[in-house]
């Protein structure tokens, strides 16, 4: 099976709901997205919440966390997260994107696949660190992102290198002096941040815990998790959602609560991998059903 003819066929069978863009229009839209992702441009996008970089009914997923569907969630997590973390005085494993280089790019009508090497800056460490992100994107006729599938390549390896530099700062910030165990430091550092944010932003109908001590009791007994699985029922997932609380408490307070609010929940590996999350796929929808090997009893 050769790939090129399939891609040409996919292009020819673009769904009627998406008007075809020229290759140049698609590349320009993609470049505009990347330029806006960088600091300080991302501050303006994050403040808008309803940025037209995304379609209103955008469908997206990020491999290290979970799905972010709809314009507001996509803006908050793909832009607001990096802005809020950068502005926060507390050390964080997430840096601020300040530059990029596209090292691989394929564009065909509305579809883009690219690999981008970002320069992430960690102000607390005065450190520049490269982070590679692979992205599939589908743009609509308004040049808005209609679908995106983003993967942080080698993120676990990046965290392995960054953690020894950041953990001492976390321990110092939280006044943790009686342990050097990374899991204990992360748990004791994250718990008061999560519970303190809950006390400030999650009031009335948004309240998730009876009290601060009730929150501490629950979080301290919750599995820590890992930085490359921040869409599961663990502490690190709830930490990821803390910067979103000031934006829309009614939406995000459940994410740090006991239920996880549909974001920080138990997930099954097989179900996640086999989930057909994207309405159009990233090849033409009429081709998707035919691109299966023998087990599906269908071949191209």
C-alpha atoms as a PDB file:
ATOM      1  CA  UNK A   1       0.000   0.000   0.000  1.00  0.00           C
ATOM      2  CA  UNK A   2       1.503   3.309  -1.037  1.00  0.00           C
ATOM      3  CA  UNK A   3       0.786   6.413   1.041  1.00  0.00           C
ATOM      4  CA  UNK A   4       0.909   9.159  -1.576  1.00  0.00           C
ATOM      5  CA  UNK A   5      -2.058   7.980  -3.695  1.00  0.00           C
ATOM      6  CA  UNK A   6      -4.134   7.595  -0.549  1.00  0.00           C
ATOM      7  CA  UNK A   7      -3.393  11.156   0.487  1.00  0.00           C
ATOM      8  CA  UNK A   8      -4.374  12.392  -2.953  1.00  0.00           C
ATOM      9  CA  UNK A   9      -7.580  10.402  -2.762  1.00  0.00           C
ATOM     10  CA  UNK A  10      -8.272  11.792   0.699  1.00  0.00           C
ATOM     11  CA  UNK A  11      -7.857  15.298  -0.621  1.00  0.00           C
ATOM     12  CA  UNK A  12     -10.238  14.664  -3.461  1.00  0.00           C
ATOM     13  CA  UNK A  13     -12.842  13.362  -1.030  1.00  0.00           C
ATOM     14  CA  UNK A  14     -12.848  16.272   1.412  1.00  0.00           C
ATOM     15  CA  UNK A  15     -16.245  16.431   3.056  1.00  0.00           C
ATOM     16  CA  UNK A  16     -18.740  18.887   1.675  1.00  0.00           C
ATOM     17  CA  UNK A  17     -18.956  20.584   5.089  1.00  0.00           C
ATOM     18  CA  UNK A  18     -15.373  21.871   4.781  1.00  0.00           C
ATOM     19  CA  UNK A  19     -14.541  24.142   1.865  1.00  0.00           C
ATOM     20  CA  UNK A  20     -11.087  23.484   0.464  1.00  0.00           C
ATOM     21  CA  UNK A  21      -8.342  26.014   1.150  1.00  0.00           C
ATOM     22  CA  UNK A  22      -5.268  26.463  -0.977  1.00  0.00           C
ATOM     23  CA  UNK A  23      -2.028  25.057   0.373  1.00  0.00           C
ATOM     24  CA  UNK A  24      -0.729  28.584   0.966  1.00  0.00           C
ATOM     25  CA  UNK A  25      -3.869  29.592   2.879  1.00  0.00           C
ATOM     26  CA  UNK A  26      -3.556  26.535   5.102  1.00  0.00           C
ATOM     27  CA  UNK A  27       0.138  27.117   5.801  1.00  0.00           C
ATOM     28  CA  UNK A  28      -0.512  30.787   6.580  1.00  0.00           C
ATOM     29  CA  UNK A  29      -3.315  29.843   8.984  1.00  0.00           C
ATOM     30  CA  UNK A  30      -1.035  27.324  10.684  1.00  0.00           C
ATOM     31  CA  UNK A  31       1.827  29.820  10.954  1.00  0.00           C
ATOM     32  CA  UNK A  32      -0.542  32.386  12.424  1.00  0.00           C
ATOM     33  CA  UNK A  33      -1.590  29.840  15.050  1.00  0.00           C
ATOM     34  CA  UNK A  34       2.033  29.163  16.012  1.00  0.00           C
ATOM     35  CA  UNK A  35       2.893  32.857  16.178  1.00  0.00           C
ATOM     36  CA  UNK A  36      -0.034  33.441  18.528  1.00  0.00           C
ATOM     37  CA  UNK A  37       0.988  30.477  20.692  1.00  0.00           C
ATOM     38  CA  UNK A  38       4.223  32.236  21.617  1.00  0.00           C
ATOM     39  CA  UNK A  39       4.566  34.609  24.557  1.00  0.00           C
ATOM     40  CA  UNK A  40       3.554  37.379  24.810  1.00  0.00           C
ATOM     41  CA  UNK A  41       1.047  36.924  21.953  1.00  0.00           C
ATOM     42  CA  UNK A  42      -0.623  34.061  23.830  1.00  0.00           C
ATOM     43  CA  UNK A  43      -1.692  36.477  26.583  1.00  0.00           C
ATOM     44  CA  UNK A  44      -4.107  38.267  24.260  1.00  0.00           C
ATOM     45  CA  UNK A  45      -5.509  34.974  22.953  1.00  0.00           C
ATOM     46  CA  UNK A  46      -5.990  33.607  26.459  1.00  0.00           C
ATOM     47  CA  UNK A  47      -7.739  36.768  27.616  1.00  0.00           C
ATOM     48  CA  UNK A  48     -10.247  36.529  24.775  1.00  0.00           C
ATOM     49  CA  UNK A  49     -11.471  33.027  25.799  1.00  0.00           C
ATOM     50  CA  UNK A  50     -13.453  32.968  22.520  1.00  0.00           C
ATOM     51  CA  UNK A  51     -10.527  33.360  20.142  1.00  0.00           C
ATOM     52  CA  UNK A  52     -11.397  32.728  16.515  1.00  0.00           C
ATOM     53  CA  UNK A  53      -8.156  30.807  16.105  1.00  0.00           C
ATOM     54  CA  UNK A  54     -10.524  27.921  16.881  1.00  0.00           C
ATOM     55  CA  UNK A  55     -13.875  27.027  15.383  1.00  0.00           C
ATOM     56  CA  UNK A  56     -16.695  27.306  17.884  1.00  0.00           C
ATOM     57  CA  UNK A  57     -17.263  23.538  17.748  1.00  0.00           C
ATOM     58  CA  UNK A  58     -13.565  22.586  17.572  1.00  0.00           C
ATOM     59  CA  UNK A  59     -12.655  19.023  18.513  1.00  0.00           C
ATOM     60  CA  UNK A  60      -9.206  18.435  19.983  1.00  0.00           C
ATOM     61  CA  UNK A  61      -6.995  16.216  22.067  1.00  0.00           C
ATOM     62  CA  UNK A  62      -3.572  16.466  23.706  1.00  0.00           C
ATOM     63  CA  UNK A  63      -1.781  13.206  24.376  1.00  0.00           C
ATOM     64  CA  UNK A  64      -0.389  14.077  27.817  1.00  0.00           C
ATOM     65  CA  UNK A  65      -3.778  15.137  29.135  1.00  0.00           C
ATOM     66  CA  UNK A  66      -7.130  14.547  27.436  1.00  0.00           C
ATOM     67  CA  UNK A  67      -9.748  15.949  25.035  1.00  0.00           C
ATOM     68  CA  UNK A  68     -10.557  19.665  24.954  1.00  0.00           C
ATOM     69  CA  UNK A  69     -13.648  20.167  22.826  1.00  0.00           C
ATOM     70  CA  UNK A  70     -15.214  23.537  22.130  1.00  0.00           C
ATOM     71  CA  UNK A  71     -13.563  26.907  21.614  1.00  0.00           C
ATOM     72  CA  UNK A  72     -13.424  28.000  25.253  1.00  0.00           C
ATOM     73  CA  UNK A  73     -11.746  24.858  26.600  1.00  0.00           C
ATOM     74  CA  UNK A  74      -9.262  24.837  23.730  1.00  0.00           C
ATOM     75  CA  UNK A  75      -8.295  28.471  24.311  1.00  0.00           C
ATOM     76  CA  UNK A  76      -8.009  27.991  28.063  1.00  0.00           C
ATOM     77  CA  UNK A  77      -5.788  24.924  27.947  1.00  0.00           C
ATOM     78  CA  UNK A  78      -3.723  25.495  24.810  1.00  0.00           C
ATOM     79  CA  UNK A  79      -3.124  29.169  25.583  1.00  0.00           C
ATOM     80  CA  UNK A  80      -4.337  30.138  29.065  1.00  0.00           C
ATOM     81  CA  UNK A  81      -2.452  27.347  30.803  1.00  0.00           C
ATOM     82  CA  UNK A  82       0.934  28.555  29.574  1.00  0.00           C
ATOM     83  CA  UNK A  83       0.121  32.194  30.334  1.00  0.00           C
ATOM     84  CA  UNK A  84      -1.139  31.537  33.859  1.00  0.00           C
ATOM     85  CA  UNK A  85       1.748  29.235  34.724  1.00  0.00           C
ATOM     86  CA  UNK A  86       4.253  31.787  33.471  1.00  0.00           C
ATOM     87  CA  UNK A  87       2.650  34.549  35.553  1.00  0.00           C
ATOM     88  CA  UNK A  88       2.525  32.380  38.672  1.00  0.00           C
ATOM     89  CA  UNK A  89       5.347  32.864  41.181  1.00  0.00           C
ATOM     90  CA  UNK A  90       5.408  29.125  41.911  1.00  0.00           C
ATOM     91  CA  UNK A  91       7.779  26.739  40.084  1.00  0.00           C
ATOM     92  CA  UNK A  92       6.138  24.546  37.459  1.00  0.00           C
ATOM     93  CA  UNK A  93       7.129  21.792  35.049  1.00  0.00           C
ATOM     94  CA  UNK A  94       5.423  23.743  32.242  1.00  0.00           C
ATOM     95  CA  UNK A  95       7.458  26.508  30.646  1.00  0.00           C
ATOM     96  CA  UNK A  96       6.589  29.490  28.476  1.00  0.00           C
ATOM     97  CA  UNK A  97       6.910  29.052  24.675  1.00  0.00           C
ATOM     98  CA  UNK A  98       8.998  31.917  23.290  1.00  0.00           C
ATOM     99  CA  UNK A  99      10.256  30.656  19.914  1.00  0.00           C
ATOM    100  CA  UNK A 100       9.731  27.815  17.465  1.00  0.00           C
ATOM    101  CA  UNK A 101      11.153  26.049  14.430  1.00  0.00           C
ATOM    102  CA  UNK A 102       8.997  23.902  12.165  1.00  0.00           C
ATOM    103  CA  UNK A 103      11.159  20.921  11.232  1.00  0.00           C
ATOM    104  CA  UNK A 104       8.584  18.817   9.342  1.00  0.00           C
ATOM    105  CA  UNK A 105       5.496  19.951   7.481  1.00  0.00           C
ATOM    106  CA  UNK A 106       2.887  18.426   5.190  1.00  0.00           C
ATOM    107  CA  UNK A 107      -0.028  20.518   3.964  1.00  0.00           C
ATOM    108  CA  UNK A 108      -2.808  19.354   1.664  1.00  0.00           C
ATOM    109  CA  UNK A 109      -5.833  21.585   1.276  1.00  0.00           C
ATOM    110  CA  UNK A 110      -7.272  22.066   4.789  1.00  0.00           C
ATOM    111  CA  UNK A 111      -4.998  19.534   6.488  1.00  0.00           C
ATOM    112  CA  UNK A 112      -1.626  20.106   8.141  1.00  0.00           C
ATOM    113  CA  UNK A 113       0.769  17.744   9.828  1.00  0.00           C
ATOM    114  CA  UNK A 114       3.821  19.327  11.409  1.00  0.00           C
ATOM    115  CA  UNK A 115       6.562  18.723  13.921  1.00  0.00           C
ATOM    116  CA  UNK A 116       7.615  21.844  15.798  1.00  0.00           C
ATOM    117  CA  UNK A 117      10.565  22.364  18.114  1.00  0.00           C
ATOM    118  CA  UNK A 118       9.691  25.015  20.684  1.00  0.00           C
ATOM    119  CA  UNK A 119      11.996  26.941  22.964  1.00  0.00           C
ATOM    120  CA  UNK A 120      10.341  26.830  26.396  1.00  0.00           C
ATOM    121  CA  UNK A 121      11.647  29.330  28.913  1.00  0.00           C
ATOM    122  CA  UNK A 122      11.548  28.576  32.649  1.00  0.00           C
ATOM    123  CA  UNK A 123      11.894  31.924  34.349  1.00  0.00           C
ATOM    124  CA  UNK A 124      12.316  30.466  37.852  1.00  0.00           C
ATOM    125  CA  UNK A 125      15.313  28.479  36.602  1.00  0.00           C
ATOM    126  CA  UNK A 126      16.496  31.025  34.018  1.00  0.00           C
ATOM    127  CA  UNK A 127      16.533  28.022  31.702  1.00  0.00           C
ATOM    128  CA  UNK A 128      15.737  27.498  28.023  1.00  0.00           C
ATOM    129  CA  UNK A 129      14.594  23.983  27.177  1.00  0.00           C
ATOM    130  CA  UNK A 130      13.570  22.442  23.829  1.00  0.00           C
ATOM    131  CA  UNK A 131      10.137  20.789  23.643  1.00  0.00           C
ATOM    132  CA  UNK A 132       9.055  19.020  20.457  1.00  0.00           C
ATOM    133  CA  UNK A 133       5.354  18.960  19.613  1.00  0.00           C
ATOM    134  CA  UNK A 134       3.745  17.045  16.745  1.00  0.00           C
ATOM    135  CA  UNK A 135       0.386  18.307  15.544  1.00  0.00           C
ATOM    136  CA  UNK A 136      -2.331  17.313  13.101  1.00  0.00           C
ATOM    137  CA  UNK A 137      -4.725  20.136  12.315  1.00  0.00           C
ATOM    138  CA  UNK A 138      -7.781  20.581  10.134  1.00  0.00           C
ATOM    139  CA  UNK A 139      -8.805  24.151   9.260  1.00  0.00           C
ATOM    140  CA  UNK A 140     -12.284  25.213   8.179  1.00  0.00           C
ATOM    141  CA  UNK A 141     -13.071  27.715   5.419  1.00  0.00           C
ATOM    142  CA  UNK A 142     -12.674  30.612   7.914  1.00  0.00           C
ATOM    143  CA  UNK A 143      -9.108  29.386   8.565  1.00  0.00           C
ATOM    144  CA  UNK A 144     -10.088  28.397  12.114  1.00  0.00           C
ATOM    145  CA  UNK A 145      -8.839  25.162  13.656  1.00  0.00           C
ATOM    146  CA  UNK A 146     -11.683  22.665  13.314  1.00  0.00           C
ATOM    147  CA  UNK A 147      -9.788  19.658  14.693  1.00  0.00           C
ATOM    148  CA  UNK A 148      -6.394  19.163  16.333  1.00  0.00           C
ATOM    149  CA  UNK A 149      -4.432  16.216  17.620  1.00  0.00           C
ATOM    150  CA  UNK A 150      -1.327  17.276  19.551  1.00  0.00           C
ATOM    151  CA  UNK A 151       1.440  15.064  20.937  1.00  0.00           C
ATOM    152  CA  UNK A 152       4.339  16.148  23.147  1.00  0.00           C
ATOM    153  CA  UNK A 153       7.148  14.024  21.732  1.00  0.00           C
ATOM    154  CA  UNK A 154       9.565  12.617  24.352  1.00  0.00           C
ATOM    155  CA  UNK A 155       7.729  14.518  27.102  1.00  0.00           C
ATOM    156  CA  UNK A 156       8.462  11.814  29.679  1.00  0.00           C
ATOM    157  CA  UNK A 157      12.164  12.154  28.882  1.00  0.00           C
ATOM    158  CA  UNK A 158      11.935  15.941  29.101  1.00  0.00           C
ATOM    159  CA  UNK A 159      10.321  15.679  32.540  1.00  0.00           C
ATOM    160  CA  UNK A 160      13.023  13.275  33.695  1.00  0.00           C
ATOM    161  CA  UNK A 161      15.568  15.986  32.904  1.00  0.00           C
ATOM    162  CA  UNK A 162      13.561  18.931  34.218  1.00  0.00           C
ATOM    163  CA  UNK A 163      12.293  17.412  37.469  1.00  0.00           C
ATOM    164  CA  UNK A 164      15.683  17.338  39.298  1.00  0.00           C
ATOM    165  CA  UNK A 165      16.039  21.044  38.539  1.00  0.00           C
ATOM    166  CA  UNK A 166      12.512  22.040  39.553  1.00  0.00           C
ATOM    167  CA  UNK A 167      11.885  19.774  42.557  1.00  0.00           C
ATOM    168  CA  UNK A 168      14.363  21.608  44.843  1.00  0.00           C
ATOM    169  CA  UNK A 169      12.561  24.867  44.057  1.00  0.00           C
ATOM    170  CA  UNK A 170       9.215  23.230  44.843  1.00  0.00           C
ATOM    171  CA  UNK A 171      10.582  21.938  48.133  1.00  0.00           C
ATOM    172  CA  UNK A 172      11.950  25.365  49.029  1.00  0.00           C
ATOM    173  CA  UNK A 173       8.697  27.117  48.103  1.00  0.00           C
ATOM    174  CA  UNK A 174       6.647  24.688  50.230  1.00  0.00           C
ATOM    175  CA  UNK A 175       9.229  24.688  53.049  1.00  0.00           C
ATOM    176  CA  UNK A 176       9.750  20.932  52.725  1.00  0.00           C
ATOM    177  CA  UNK A 177      12.993  20.038  54.470  1.00  0.00           C
ATOM    178  CA  UNK A 178      12.542  16.497  55.783  1.00  0.00           C
ATOM    179  CA  UNK A 179      12.478  14.530  52.525  1.00  0.00           C
ATOM    180  CA  UNK A 180      14.177  14.335  49.146  1.00  0.00           C
ATOM    181  CA  UNK A 181      11.726  11.797  47.759  1.00  0.00           C
ATOM    182  CA  UNK A 182      10.291  13.248  44.499  1.00  0.00           C
ATOM    183  CA  UNK A 183       6.822  11.755  45.015  1.00  0.00           C
ATOM    184  CA  UNK A 184       6.539  13.142  48.541  1.00  0.00           C
ATOM    185  CA  UNK A 185       7.749  16.563  47.446  1.00  0.00           C
ATOM    186  CA  UNK A 186       5.269  16.716  44.557  1.00  0.00           C
ATOM    187  CA  UNK A 187       2.382  15.538  46.727  1.00  0.00           C
ATOM    188  CA  UNK A 188       3.121  17.937  49.559  1.00  0.00           C
ATOM    189  CA  UNK A 189       3.794  20.794  47.144  1.00  0.00           C
ATOM    190  CA  UNK A 190       0.643  20.247  45.063  1.00  0.00           C
ATOM    191  CA  UNK A 191      -1.887  19.505  47.792  1.00  0.00           C
ATOM    192  CA  UNK A 192      -2.046  22.971  49.424  1.00  0.00           C
ATOM    193  CA  UNK A 193      -2.042  24.617  45.979  1.00  0.00           C
ATOM    194  CA  UNK A 194      -5.067  22.599  44.876  1.00  0.00           C
ATOM    195  CA  UNK A 195      -6.915  23.002  48.148  1.00  0.00           C
ATOM    196  CA  UNK A 196      -5.991  26.658  48.542  1.00  0.00           C
ATOM    197  CA  UNK A 197      -7.324  27.402  45.055  1.00  0.00           C
ATOM    198  CA  UNK A 198     -10.510  25.526  45.904  1.00  0.00           C
ATOM    199  CA  UNK A 199     -11.025  27.727  48.957  1.00  0.00           C
ATOM    200  CA  UNK A 200     -10.698  30.879  46.844  1.00  0.00           C
ATOM    201  CA  UNK A 201     -12.605  30.021  43.682  1.00  0.00           C
ATOM    202  CA  UNK A 202     -14.947  27.104  44.386  1.00  0.00           C
ATOM    203  CA  UNK A 203     -17.703  28.566  46.514  1.00  0.00           C
ATOM    204  CA  UNK A 204     -21.457  28.011  46.688  1.00  0.00           C
ATOM    205  CA  UNK A 205     -22.662  25.717  43.919  1.00  0.00           C
ATOM    206  CA  UNK A 206     -19.056  25.250  42.770  1.00  0.00           C
ATOM    207  CA  UNK A 207     -17.847  23.850  46.105  1.00  0.00           C
ATOM    208  CA  UNK A 208     -16.323  20.365  45.829  1.00  0.00           C
ATOM    209  CA  UNK A 209     -15.018  19.736  49.354  1.00  0.00           C
ATOM    210  CA  UNK A 210     -16.635  20.431  52.714  1.00  0.00           C
ATOM    211  CA  UNK A 211     -13.550  22.197  54.023  1.00  0.00           C
ATOM    212  CA  UNK A 212      -9.867  22.810  53.397  1.00  0.00           C
ATOM    213  CA  UNK A 213      -8.954  19.869  55.642  1.00  0.00           C
ATOM    214  CA  UNK A 214     -11.433  17.642  53.786  1.00  0.00           C
ATOM    215  CA  UNK A 215      -9.708  18.585  50.539  1.00  0.00           C
ATOM    216  CA  UNK A 216      -6.234  17.924  51.968  1.00  0.00           C
ATOM    217  CA  UNK A 217      -7.369  14.542  53.264  1.00  0.00           C
ATOM    218  CA  UNK A 218      -8.703  13.523  49.850  1.00  0.00           C
ATOM    219  CA  UNK A 219      -5.844  14.864  47.726  1.00  0.00           C
ATOM    220  CA  UNK A 220      -3.090  13.478  49.959  1.00  0.00           C
ATOM    221  CA  UNK A 221      -4.574   9.999  49.522  1.00  0.00           C
ATOM    222  CA  UNK A 222      -4.984  10.321  45.755  1.00  0.00           C
ATOM    223  CA  UNK A 223      -2.321   8.736  43.502  1.00  0.00           C
ATOM    224  CA  UNK A 224       0.295  11.249  42.394  1.00  0.00           C
ATOM    225  CA  UNK A 225       0.297  10.198  38.725  1.00  0.00           C
ATOM    226  CA  UNK A 226       2.909  11.109  36.146  1.00  0.00           C
ATOM    227  CA  UNK A 227       3.501  14.223  34.070  1.00  0.00           C
ATOM    228  CA  UNK A 228       2.768  12.371  30.826  1.00  0.00           C
ATOM    229  CA  UNK A 229      -0.620  11.077  32.067  1.00  0.00           C
ATOM    230  CA  UNK A 230      -2.264  14.253  33.317  1.00  0.00           C
ATOM    231  CA  UNK A 231      -5.746  13.306  32.141  1.00  0.00           C
ATOM    232  CA  UNK A 232      -6.326  10.651  34.770  1.00  0.00           C
ATOM    233  CA  UNK A 233      -7.562  10.387  38.344  1.00  0.00           C
ATOM    234  CA  UNK A 234      -4.449  11.697  40.053  1.00  0.00           C
ATOM    235  CA  UNK A 235      -2.937  14.712  41.791  1.00  0.00           C
ATOM    236  CA  UNK A 236      -0.983  15.997  38.807  1.00  0.00           C
ATOM    237  CA  UNK A 237      -4.126  16.127  36.687  1.00  0.00           C
ATOM    238  CA  UNK A 238      -5.870  18.251  39.303  1.00  0.00           C
ATOM    239  CA  UNK A 239      -2.796  20.490  39.468  1.00  0.00           C
ATOM    240  CA  UNK A 240      -3.026  21.002  35.719  1.00  0.00           C
ATOM    241  CA  UNK A 241      -6.560  22.369  36.109  1.00  0.00           C
ATOM    242  CA  UNK A 242      -5.827  24.788  38.968  1.00  0.00           C
ATOM    243  CA  UNK A 243      -4.735  27.665  36.657  1.00  0.00           C
ATOM    244  CA  UNK A 244      -8.119  27.455  34.927  1.00  0.00           C
ATOM    245  CA  UNK A 245     -10.184  28.074  38.086  1.00  0.00           C
ATOM    246  CA  UNK A 246     -10.143  31.900  37.923  1.00  0.00           C
ATOM    247  CA  UNK A 247     -11.398  31.804  34.329  1.00  0.00           C
ATOM    248  CA  UNK A 248     -14.587  29.762  34.761  1.00  0.00           C
ATOM    249  CA  UNK A 249     -15.049  28.286  38.240  1.00  0.00           C
ATOM    250  CA  UNK A 250     -18.370  26.648  37.360  1.00  0.00           C
ATOM    251  CA  UNK A 251     -16.638  24.627  34.638  1.00  0.00           C
ATOM    252  CA  UNK A 252     -13.275  23.914  36.223  1.00  0.00           C
ATOM    253  CA  UNK A 253     -13.976  23.434  39.944  1.00  0.00           C
ATOM    254  CA  UNK A 254     -15.324  19.895  39.335  1.00  0.00           C
ATOM    255  CA  UNK A 255     -12.021  19.040  37.632  1.00  0.00           C
ATOM    256  CA  UNK A 256     -10.116  19.412  40.904  1.00  0.00           C
ATOM    257  CA  UNK A 257     -12.892  17.805  42.966  1.00  0.00           C
ATOM    258  CA  UNK A 258     -13.295  14.178  44.075  1.00  0.00           C
ATOM    259  CA  UNK A 259     -15.068  13.140  40.848  1.00  0.00           C
ATOM    260  CA  UNK A 260     -12.566  14.797  38.526  1.00  0.00           C
ATOM    261  CA  UNK A 261     -15.419  16.375  36.581  1.00  0.00           C
ATOM    262  CA  UNK A 262     -14.908  14.179  33.523  1.00  0.00           C
ATOM    263  CA  UNK A 263     -11.320  15.400  33.122  1.00  0.00           C
ATOM    264  CA  UNK A 264      -9.336  13.774  35.945  1.00  0.00           C
ATOM    265  CA  UNK A 265     -10.889  10.312  35.799  1.00  0.00           C
ATOM    266  CA  UNK A 266      -9.844   6.678  35.514  1.00  0.00           C
ATOM    267  CA  UNK A 267      -9.038   5.801  31.912  1.00  0.00           C
ATOM    268  CA  UNK A 268      -8.541   2.546  30.086  1.00  0.00           C
ATOM    269  CA  UNK A 269      -5.540   2.453  27.753  1.00  0.00           C
ATOM    270  CA  UNK A 270      -7.247   0.351  25.096  1.00  0.00           C
ATOM    271  CA  UNK A 271     -10.372   2.505  25.074  1.00  0.00           C
ATOM    272  CA  UNK A 272      -8.323   5.699  24.778  1.00  0.00           C
ATOM    273  CA  UNK A 273      -6.263   4.353  21.879  1.00  0.00           C
ATOM    274  CA  UNK A 274      -9.283   2.990  20.008  1.00  0.00           C
ATOM    275  CA  UNK A 275     -11.490   6.036  20.635  1.00  0.00           C
ATOM    276  CA  UNK A 276     -12.717   7.516  17.344  1.00  0.00           C
ATOM    277  CA  UNK A 277     -12.719  11.032  18.733  1.00  0.00           C
ATOM    278  CA  UNK A 278     -12.536  13.035  15.522  1.00  0.00           C
ATOM    279  CA  UNK A 279     -15.638  13.386  13.331  1.00  0.00           C
ATOM    280  CA  UNK A 280     -13.615  13.754  10.120  1.00  0.00           C
ATOM    281  CA  UNK A 281     -10.402  11.932  10.987  1.00  0.00           C
ATOM    282  CA  UNK A 282      -7.276  13.492   9.520  1.00  0.00           C
ATOM    283  CA  UNK A 283      -7.830  12.020   6.118  1.00  0.00           C
ATOM    284  CA  UNK A 284     -11.077  12.387   4.234  1.00  0.00           C
ATOM    285  CA  UNK A 285     -13.975  10.852   6.116  1.00  0.00           C
ATOM    286  CA  UNK A 286     -14.949   8.695   3.136  1.00  0.00           C
ATOM    287  CA  UNK A 287     -11.542   7.041   3.194  1.00  0.00           C
ATOM    288  CA  UNK A 288     -11.209   6.448   6.918  1.00  0.00           C
ATOM    289  CA  UNK A 289     -13.465   3.384   6.959  1.00  0.00           C
ATOM    290  CA  UNK A 290     -11.461   1.701   4.196  1.00  0.00           C
ATOM    291  CA  UNK A 291      -8.008   2.157   5.716  1.00  0.00           C
ATOM    292  CA  UNK A 292      -8.023  -0.987   7.830  1.00  0.00           C
ATOM    293  CA  UNK A 293      -5.874  -4.079   7.765  1.00  0.00           C
ATOM    294  CA  UNK A 294      -7.023  -7.711   7.627  1.00  0.00           C
ATOM    295  CA  UNK A 295      -8.438  -7.809  11.158  1.00  0.00           C
ATOM    296  CA  UNK A 296     -11.093  -5.290  10.124  1.00  0.00           C
ATOM    297  CA  UNK A 297     -11.716  -7.265   6.934  1.00  0.00           C
ATOM    298  CA  UNK A 298     -11.379  -4.077   4.927  1.00  0.00           C
ATOM    299  CA  UNK A 299      -8.462  -2.870   2.874  1.00  0.00           C
ATOM    300  CA  UNK A 300      -7.873   0.103   0.652  1.00  0.00           C
END
